[in-house]
Amino acid sequence: MGWKDWSYWAKGGVLGIIISLLGSLLAFIIDYFELYNYLNLNFLEKIISVNILGSIGQLIPNDWPISILMILFFIIGFGGRILSYFIIGSIIGWIYGKIKSKR
């Protein structure tokens, strides 16, 4: 079953996941290399530090119980972010499909 055979809500959900992953990757790159200082994006420093993903750089094991909890929170936060973007994309795709079917 090809991409063209998928329903609009499924396409929207997949696009939502892709946008979520690209946004997370961009946030990680900006945070890891501290590019917000060089790009005059100082407002991103606060946004990225409050990001639901947290900082991947903090997952280096210093103390095992704390590190395991941080990894667990990272996985839960990342899964929640992907799920929320999938739901939002699915709703947008569903609405788009309803509008397109009426034409």
C-alpha atoms as a PDB file:
ATOM      1  CA  MET A   1       0.000   0.000   0.000  1.00  0.00           C
ATOM      2  CA  GLY A   2       1.657   3.190  -1.206  1.00  0.00           C
ATOM      3  CA  TRP A   3       1.656   6.692   0.205  1.00  0.00           C
ATOM      4  CA  LYS A   4      -1.122   7.758  -2.185  1.00  0.00           C
ATOM      5  CA  ASP A   5      -3.397   5.022  -0.842  1.00  0.00           C
ATOM      6  CA  TRP A   6      -3.159   6.238   2.763  1.00  0.00           C
ATOM      7  CA  SER A   7      -5.962   8.228   4.311  1.00  0.00           C
ATOM      8  CA  TYR A   8      -5.357  11.906   4.965  1.00  0.00           C
ATOM      9  CA  TRP A   9      -5.314  11.487   8.739  1.00  0.00           C
ATOM     10  CA  ALA A  10      -2.552   8.851   8.482  1.00  0.00           C
ATOM     11  CA  LYS A  11      -0.507  11.060   6.151  1.00  0.00           C
ATOM     12  CA  GLY A  12      -0.942  13.980   8.552  1.00  0.00           C
ATOM     13  CA  GLY A  13       0.144  11.824  11.484  1.00  0.00           C
ATOM     14  CA  VAL A  14       3.286  10.653   9.706  1.00  0.00           C
ATOM     15  CA  LEU A  15       4.125  14.213   8.675  1.00  0.00           C
ATOM     16  CA  GLY A  16       3.593  15.283  12.287  1.00  0.00           C
ATOM     17  CA  ILE A  17       6.073  12.648  13.461  1.00  0.00           C
ATOM     18  CA  ILE A  18       8.607  13.759  10.841  1.00  0.00           C
ATOM     19  CA  ILE A  19       8.232  17.398  11.907  1.00  0.00           C
ATOM     20  CA  SER A  20       8.652  16.369  15.548  1.00  0.00           C
ATOM     21  CA  LEU A  21      11.823  14.408  14.820  1.00  0.00           C
ATOM     22  CA  LEU A  22      13.315  17.186  12.689  1.00  0.00           C
ATOM     23  CA  GLY A  23      12.476  19.772  15.347  1.00  0.00           C
ATOM     24  CA  SER A  24      14.049  17.611  18.037  1.00  0.00           C
ATOM     25  CA  LEU A  25      17.163  17.097  15.931  1.00  0.00           C
ATOM     26  CA  LEU A  26      17.443  20.829  15.237  1.00  0.00           C
ATOM     27  CA  ALA A  27      16.963  21.650  18.933  1.00  0.00           C
ATOM     28  CA  PHE A  28      19.637  19.103  19.891  1.00  0.00           C
ATOM     29  CA  ILE A  29      22.117  20.454  17.335  1.00  0.00           C
ATOM     30  CA  ILE A  30      21.546  24.042  18.437  1.00  0.00           C
ATOM     31  CA  ASP A  31      21.861  23.057  22.097  1.00  0.00           C
ATOM     32  CA  TYR A  32      24.866  20.751  21.658  1.00  0.00           C
ATOM     33  CA  PHE A  33      26.941  23.210  19.668  1.00  0.00           C
ATOM     34  CA  GLU A  34      25.513  26.233  21.542  1.00  0.00           C
ATOM     35  CA  LEU A  35      24.645  27.860  18.226  1.00  0.00           C
ATOM     36  CA  TYR A  36      22.086  30.175  19.767  1.00  0.00           C
ATOM     37  CA  ASN A  37      24.961  32.479  20.819  1.00  0.00           C
ATOM     38  CA  TYR A  38      26.524  32.581  17.357  1.00  0.00           C
ATOM     39  CA  LEU A  39      23.246  32.934  15.491  1.00  0.00           C
ATOM     40  CA  ASN A  40      21.891  35.623  17.846  1.00  0.00           C
ATOM     41  CA  LEU A  41      19.137  33.245  18.889  1.00  0.00           C
ATOM     42  CA  ASN A  42      19.441  33.863  22.625  1.00  0.00           C
ATOM     43  CA  PHE A  43      15.719  33.279  23.111  1.00  0.00           C
ATOM     44  CA  LEU A  44      16.259  29.671  21.976  1.00  0.00           C
ATOM     45  CA  GLU A  45      18.465  28.964  24.969  1.00  0.00           C
ATOM     46  CA  LYS A  46      15.460  29.244  27.262  1.00  0.00           C
ATOM     47  CA  ILE A  47      13.130  27.401  24.907  1.00  0.00           C
ATOM     48  CA  ILE A  48      15.533  24.494  24.432  1.00  0.00           C
ATOM     49  CA  SER A  49      16.271  24.190  28.138  1.00  0.00           C
ATOM     50  CA  VAL A  50      12.531  23.938  28.840  1.00  0.00           C
ATOM     51  CA  ASN A  51      12.011  21.591  25.879  1.00  0.00           C
ATOM     52  CA  ILE A  52      10.075  18.429  26.752  1.00  0.00           C
ATOM     53  CA  LEU A  53      13.005  16.342  25.554  1.00  0.00           C
ATOM     54  CA  GLY A  54      15.379  17.745  28.104  1.00  0.00           C
ATOM     55  CA  SER A  55      19.039  17.767  27.302  1.00  0.00           C
ATOM     56  CA  ILE A  56      20.519  14.611  25.838  1.00  0.00           C
ATOM     57  CA  GLY A  57      23.944  15.722  27.040  1.00  0.00           C
ATOM     58  CA  GLN A  58      22.807  15.263  30.635  1.00  0.00           C
ATOM     59  CA  LEU A  59      22.198  11.551  30.112  1.00  0.00           C
ATOM     60  CA  ILE A  60      25.857  10.666  30.673  1.00  0.00           C
ATOM     61  CA  PRO A  61      25.911   8.369  33.708  1.00  0.00           C
ATOM     62  CA  ASN A  62      27.371  10.148  36.731  1.00  0.00           C
ATOM     63  CA  ASP A  63      25.260   8.409  39.307  1.00  0.00           C
ATOM     64  CA  TRP A  64      23.362   5.345  38.059  1.00  0.00           C
ATOM     65  CA  PRO A  65      19.996   5.778  39.802  1.00  0.00           C
ATOM     66  CA  ILE A  66      19.759   9.403  38.709  1.00  0.00           C
ATOM     67  CA  SER A  67      20.918   8.578  35.181  1.00  0.00           C
ATOM     68  CA  ILE A  68      18.374   5.783  34.820  1.00  0.00           C
ATOM     69  CA  LEU A  69      15.600   8.162  35.901  1.00  0.00           C
ATOM     70  CA  MET A  70      16.818  10.811  33.467  1.00  0.00           C
ATOM     71  CA  ILE A  71      16.853   8.297  30.620  1.00  0.00           C
ATOM     72  CA  LEU A  72      13.367   7.132  31.599  1.00  0.00           C
ATOM     73  CA  PHE A  73      12.059  10.722  31.657  1.00  0.00           C
ATOM     74  CA  PHE A  74      13.747  11.374  28.325  1.00  0.00           C
ATOM     75  CA  ILE A  75      12.057   8.355  26.730  1.00  0.00           C
ATOM     76  CA  ILE A  76       8.665   9.254  28.197  1.00  0.00           C
ATOM     77  CA  GLY A  77       9.033  12.894  27.133  1.00  0.00           C
ATOM     78  CA  PHE A  78      10.207  11.981  23.650  1.00  0.00           C
ATOM     79  CA  GLY A  79       7.373   9.469  23.220  1.00  0.00           C
ATOM     80  CA  GLY A  80       4.856  12.007  24.464  1.00  0.00           C
ATOM     81  CA  ARG A  81       6.160  14.599  22.033  1.00  0.00           C
ATOM     82  CA  ILE A  82       5.953  12.212  19.076  1.00  0.00           C
ATOM     83  CA  LEU A  83       2.469  11.068  20.101  1.00  0.00           C
ATOM     84  CA  SER A  84       1.207  14.637  20.470  1.00  0.00           C
ATOM     85  CA  TYR A  85       2.602  15.638  17.069  1.00  0.00           C
ATOM     86  CA  PHE A  86       1.031  12.521  15.532  1.00  0.00           C
ATOM     87  CA  ILE A  87      -2.356  13.406  17.014  1.00  0.00           C
ATOM     88  CA  ILE A  88      -2.130  17.043  15.896  1.00  0.00           C
ATOM     89  CA  GLY A  89      -1.022  15.984  12.398  1.00  0.00           C
ATOM     90  CA  SER A  90      -3.811  13.415  12.219  1.00  0.00           C
ATOM     91  CA  ILE A  91      -6.435  15.987  13.159  1.00  0.00           C
ATOM     92  CA  ILE A  92      -5.114  18.449  10.573  1.00  0.00           C
ATOM     93  CA  GLY A  93      -5.031  15.669   7.944  1.00  0.00           C
ATOM     94  CA  TRP A  94      -8.555  14.564   8.846  1.00  0.00           C
ATOM     95  CA  ILE A  95      -9.874  18.131   8.518  1.00  0.00           C
ATOM     96  CA  TYR A  96      -8.026  18.520   5.203  1.00  0.00           C
ATOM     97  CA  GLY A  97      -9.557  15.264   3.947  1.00  0.00           C
ATOM     98  CA  LYS A  98     -13.069  16.398   4.943  1.00  0.00           C
ATOM     99  CA  ILE A  99     -12.622  19.729   3.156  1.00  0.00           C
ATOM    100  CA  LYS A 100     -11.153  18.078   0.055  1.00  0.00           C
ATOM    101  CA  SER A 101     -13.931  15.448  -0.140  1.00  0.00           C
ATOM    102  CA  LYS A 102     -16.616  18.162  -0.235  1.00  0.00           C
ATOM    103  CA  ARG A 103     -15.190  19.686  -3.425  1.00  0.00           C
END
